[in-house]
Amino acid sequence: MAHNLGRYWPNARTWVQKEVGIINGWIARGLMKPMNAHLLLMHIWAMTQHHADFALQVRHICGPLDREAVANELIPFILRGCGLLRD
């Protein structure tokens, strides 16, 4: 399927570079811990996309999960990993 998305890659690449620049700026200013900004974005996309692509499988294994429940788990998980949320 990705081969059908070729026309979107230039815009996606531009958007990613902009976001990576923002994240790297936060890292440079000490606002979040050092990490690979590209990988951070990919990890966030992977975690959120999993729930979209495998919703049926998730429901079968975990039972019904609403978006708010997923967000309440996922957001603090990401923020802790970035050093932005402490227990």
N, C-alpha and C. Protein backbone atom coordinates (compact mmCIF):
# COMPACT_ATOMS: atom_id res chain seq x y z
N MET A 1 0.82 -1.19 0.00
CA MET A 1 0.00 0.00 0.00
C MET A 1 0.86 1.26 0.00
N ALA A 2 2.00 1.23 0.69
CA ALA A 2 2.85 2.40 0.77
C ALA A 2 3.29 2.90 -0.60
N HIS A 3 3.45 1.99 -1.56
CA HIS A 3 3.86 2.42 -2.90
C HIS A 3 2.80 3.30 -3.56
N ASN A 4 1.57 3.24 -3.11
CA ASN A 4 0.50 4.10 -3.64
C ASN A 4 0.51 5.50 -3.02
N LEU A 5 1.33 5.70 -2.04
CA LEU A 5 1.35 6.97 -1.31
C LEU A 5 2.50 7.88 -1.73
N GLY A 6 3.23 7.50 -2.77
CA GLY A 6 4.41 8.24 -3.20
C GLY A 6 4.20 9.73 -3.37
N ARG A 7 3.06 10.12 -3.85
CA ARG A 7 2.82 11.56 -4.06
C ARG A 7 2.72 12.34 -2.75
N TYR A 8 2.50 11.64 -1.63
CA TYR A 8 2.38 12.31 -0.33
C TYR A 8 3.71 12.45 0.40
N TRP A 9 4.70 11.67 0.00
CA TRP A 9 5.97 11.66 0.73
C TRP A 9 6.65 13.02 0.80
N PRO A 10 6.71 13.80 -0.28
CA PRO A 10 7.38 15.11 -0.14
C PRO A 10 6.75 15.99 0.94
N ASN A 11 5.43 16.05 0.99
CA ASN A 11 4.77 16.86 2.02
C ASN A 11 4.99 16.26 3.41
N ALA A 12 4.92 14.94 3.49
CA ALA A 12 5.14 14.28 4.78
C ALA A 12 6.55 14.53 5.28
N ARG A 13 7.51 14.44 4.39
CA ARG A 13 8.91 14.66 4.77
C ARG A 13 9.09 16.09 5.27
N THR A 14 8.49 17.04 4.60
CA THR A 14 8.58 18.45 5.02
C THR A 14 7.97 18.63 6.40
N TRP A 15 6.79 18.03 6.62
CA TRP A 15 6.13 18.14 7.91
C TRP A 15 6.98 17.51 9.01
N VAL A 16 7.53 16.32 8.75
CA VAL A 16 8.36 15.63 9.74
C VAL A 16 9.58 16.47 10.08
N GLN A 17 10.23 17.01 9.08
CA GLN A 17 11.42 17.83 9.33
C GLN A 17 11.08 19.04 10.21
N LYS A 18 9.93 19.64 9.98
CA LYS A 18 9.50 20.77 10.81
C LYS A 18 9.30 20.32 12.26
N GLU A 19 8.61 19.20 12.45
CA GLU A 19 8.36 18.69 13.80
C GLU A 19 9.65 18.26 14.49
N VAL A 20 10.54 17.62 13.74
CA VAL A 20 11.84 17.21 14.29
C VAL A 20 12.61 18.46 14.75
N GLY A 21 12.56 19.51 13.98
CA GLY A 21 13.22 20.76 14.36
C GLY A 21 12.66 21.32 15.66
N ILE A 22 11.36 21.25 15.82
CA ILE A 22 10.73 21.74 17.06
C ILE A 22 11.18 20.88 18.24
N ILE A 23 11.11 19.58 18.08
CA ILE A 23 11.52 18.67 19.17
C ILE A 23 12.98 18.86 19.50
N ASN A 24 13.84 18.95 18.48
CA ASN A 24 15.27 19.17 18.73
C ASN A 24 15.52 20.50 19.42
N GLY A 25 14.70 21.50 19.14
CA GLY A 25 14.80 22.78 19.84
C GLY A 25 14.48 22.63 21.32
N TRP A 26 13.45 21.86 21.63
CA TRP A 26 13.11 21.60 23.03
C TRP A 26 14.25 20.87 23.73
N ILE A 27 14.83 19.89 23.03
CA ILE A 27 15.96 19.14 23.60
C ILE A 27 17.14 20.08 23.84
N ALA A 28 17.47 20.91 22.88
CA ALA A 28 18.60 21.84 23.00
C ALA A 28 18.41 22.81 24.16
N ARG A 29 17.17 23.19 24.43
CA ARG A 29 16.89 24.12 25.53
C ARG A 29 16.73 23.39 26.86
N GLY A 30 16.89 22.07 26.87
CA GLY A 30 16.80 21.30 28.10
C GLY A 30 15.37 21.07 28.57
N LEU A 31 14.41 21.26 27.68
CA LEU A 31 13.01 21.08 28.07
C LEU A 31 12.57 19.62 28.04
N MET A 32 13.32 18.79 27.34
CA MET A 32 13.06 17.36 27.36
C MET A 32 14.37 16.62 27.21
N LYS A 33 14.37 15.35 27.59
CA LYS A 33 15.63 14.62 27.56
C LYS A 33 16.07 14.35 26.13
N PRO A 34 17.38 14.22 25.93
CA PRO A 34 17.89 13.97 24.59
C PRO A 34 17.40 12.63 24.03
N MET A 35 16.97 12.67 22.79
CA MET A 35 16.53 11.46 22.09
C MET A 35 16.49 11.75 20.60
N ASN A 36 16.31 10.71 19.82
CA ASN A 36 16.19 10.84 18.38
C ASN A 36 14.76 11.28 18.06
N ALA A 37 14.61 12.51 17.61
CA ALA A 37 13.28 13.07 17.37
C ALA A 37 12.53 12.31 16.27
N HIS A 38 13.24 11.86 15.24
CA HIS A 38 12.59 11.06 14.20
C HIS A 38 11.98 9.79 14.79
N LEU A 39 12.76 9.10 15.61
CA LEU A 39 12.26 7.87 16.21
C LEU A 39 11.12 8.13 17.17
N LEU A 40 11.18 9.23 17.91
CA LEU A 40 10.08 9.58 18.80
C LEU A 40 8.78 9.70 18.01
N LEU A 41 8.81 10.42 16.90
CA LEU A 41 7.61 10.55 16.07
C LEU A 41 7.14 9.20 15.55
N MET A 42 8.07 8.37 15.11
CA MET A 42 7.70 7.06 14.59
C MET A 42 7.08 6.18 15.69
N HIS A 43 7.62 6.27 16.90
CA HIS A 43 7.09 5.49 18.01
C HIS A 43 5.66 5.94 18.35
N ILE A 44 5.45 7.25 18.38
CA ILE A 44 4.11 7.77 18.67
C ILE A 44 3.15 7.31 17.59
N TRP A 45 3.55 7.42 16.33
CA TRP A 45 2.68 6.98 15.23
C TRP A 45 2.39 5.49 15.34
N ALA A 46 3.41 4.71 15.67
CA ALA A 46 3.21 3.26 15.76
C ALA A 46 2.22 2.91 16.87
N MET A 47 2.37 3.53 18.01
CA MET A 47 1.46 3.22 19.12
C MET A 47 0.03 3.62 18.82
N THR A 48 -0.15 4.78 18.24
CA THR A 48 -1.51 5.24 17.96
C THR A 48 -2.09 4.49 16.76
N GLN A 49 -1.30 4.23 15.75
CA GLN A 49 -1.78 3.54 14.56
C GLN A 49 -2.19 2.10 14.88
N HIS A 50 -1.51 1.49 15.83
CA HIS A 50 -1.85 0.13 16.21
C HIS A 50 -3.32 0.04 16.62
N HIS A 51 -3.77 1.00 17.41
CA HIS A 51 -5.16 0.98 17.87
C HIS A 51 -6.13 1.20 16.71
N ALA A 52 -5.73 1.94 15.71
CA ALA A 52 -6.59 2.15 14.55
C ALA A 52 -6.60 0.91 13.65
N ASP A 53 -5.44 0.36 13.38
CA ASP A 53 -5.34 -0.76 12.44
C ASP A 53 -5.80 -2.09 13.03
N PHE A 54 -5.62 -2.25 14.34
CA PHE A 54 -5.91 -3.53 14.97
C PHE A 54 -7.00 -3.42 16.03
N ALA A 55 -7.94 -2.51 15.82
CA ALA A 55 -9.00 -2.29 16.81
C ALA A 55 -9.76 -3.58 17.12
N LEU A 56 -10.08 -4.35 16.10
CA LEU A 56 -10.82 -5.60 16.31
C LEU A 56 -10.00 -6.57 17.16
N GLN A 57 -8.73 -6.68 16.84
CA GLN A 57 -7.84 -7.57 17.60
C GLN A 57 -7.70 -7.08 19.05
N VAL A 58 -7.54 -5.79 19.24
CA VAL A 58 -7.41 -5.22 20.58
C VAL A 58 -8.67 -5.51 21.39
N ARG A 59 -9.84 -5.29 20.78
CA ARG A 59 -11.11 -5.56 21.48
C ARG A 59 -11.22 -7.04 21.85
N HIS A 60 -10.80 -7.91 20.96
CA HIS A 60 -10.89 -9.35 21.22
C HIS A 60 -9.99 -9.74 22.40
N ILE A 61 -8.82 -9.17 22.47
CA ILE A 61 -7.85 -9.52 23.52
C ILE A 61 -8.13 -8.77 24.82
N CYS A 62 -8.41 -7.48 24.73
CA CYS A 62 -8.53 -6.63 25.92
C CYS A 62 -9.96 -6.30 26.32
N GLY A 63 -10.89 -6.55 25.44
CA GLY A 63 -12.25 -6.09 25.66
C GLY A 63 -12.37 -4.67 25.13
N PRO A 64 -13.53 -4.08 25.26
CA PRO A 64 -13.73 -2.74 24.72
C PRO A 64 -12.82 -1.70 25.38
N LEU A 65 -12.18 -0.91 24.57
CA LEU A 65 -11.37 0.22 25.05
C LEU A 65 -11.83 1.46 24.30
N ASP A 66 -12.18 2.48 25.03
CA ASP A 66 -12.55 3.71 24.33
C ASP A 66 -11.32 4.59 24.14
N ARG A 67 -11.44 5.55 23.27
CA ARG A 67 -10.30 6.42 22.95
C ARG A 67 -9.77 7.14 24.17
N GLU A 68 -10.65 7.55 25.05
CA GLU A 68 -10.20 8.26 26.25
C GLU A 68 -9.34 7.36 27.13
N ALA A 69 -9.72 6.10 27.27
CA ALA A 69 -8.92 5.17 28.07
C ALA A 69 -7.55 4.97 27.45
N VAL A 70 -7.50 4.83 26.14
CA VAL A 70 -6.22 4.67 25.45
C VAL A 70 -5.37 5.93 25.64
N ALA A 71 -5.97 7.08 25.43
CA ALA A 71 -5.23 8.35 25.59
C ALA A 71 -4.72 8.52 27.02
N ASN A 72 -5.53 8.13 28.01
CA ASN A 72 -5.13 8.27 29.41
C ASN A 72 -3.93 7.40 29.77
N GLU A 73 -3.72 6.34 29.03
CA GLU A 73 -2.54 5.49 29.23
C GLU A 73 -1.37 5.96 28.37
N LEU A 74 -1.67 6.27 27.12
CA LEU A 74 -0.61 6.55 26.15
C LEU A 74 0.07 7.89 26.38
N ILE A 75 -0.68 8.92 26.66
CA ILE A 75 -0.09 10.27 26.80
C ILE A 75 0.92 10.31 27.95
N PRO A 76 0.57 9.87 29.17
CA PRO A 76 1.58 9.89 30.23
C PRO A 76 2.78 8.99 29.93
N PHE A 77 2.55 7.87 29.25
CA PHE A 77 3.63 6.97 28.87
C PHE A 77 4.65 7.71 28.00
N ILE A 78 4.16 8.42 27.01
CA ILE A 78 5.04 9.17 26.10
C ILE A 78 5.72 10.31 26.84
N LEU A 79 4.97 11.05 27.61
CA LEU A 79 5.55 12.19 28.33
C LEU A 79 6.62 11.75 29.32
N ARG A 80 6.40 10.64 30.01
CA ARG A 80 7.44 10.12 30.92
C ARG A 80 8.69 9.73 30.14
N GLY A 81 8.50 9.08 29.01
CA GLY A 81 9.63 8.68 28.18
C GLY A 81 10.45 9.86 27.68
N CYS A 82 9.79 10.98 27.51
CA CYS A 82 10.47 12.20 27.05
C CYS A 82 11.04 13.01 28.21
N GLY A 83 10.81 12.54 29.44
CA GLY A 83 11.29 13.27 30.62
C GLY A 83 10.44 14.48 30.93
N LEU A 84 9.20 14.51 30.46
CA LEU A 84 8.33 15.66 30.64
C LEU A 84 7.31 15.47 31.77
N LEU A 85 7.23 14.27 32.29
CA LEU A 85 6.27 13.98 33.35
C LEU A 85 6.97 13.09 34.36
N ARG A 86 6.88 13.50 35.59
CA ARG A 86 7.50 12.71 36.66
C ARG A 86 6.42 12.22 37.59
N ASP A 87 6.68 11.06 38.18
CA ASP A 87 5.71 10.49 39.14
C ASP A 87 5.79 11.18 40.46
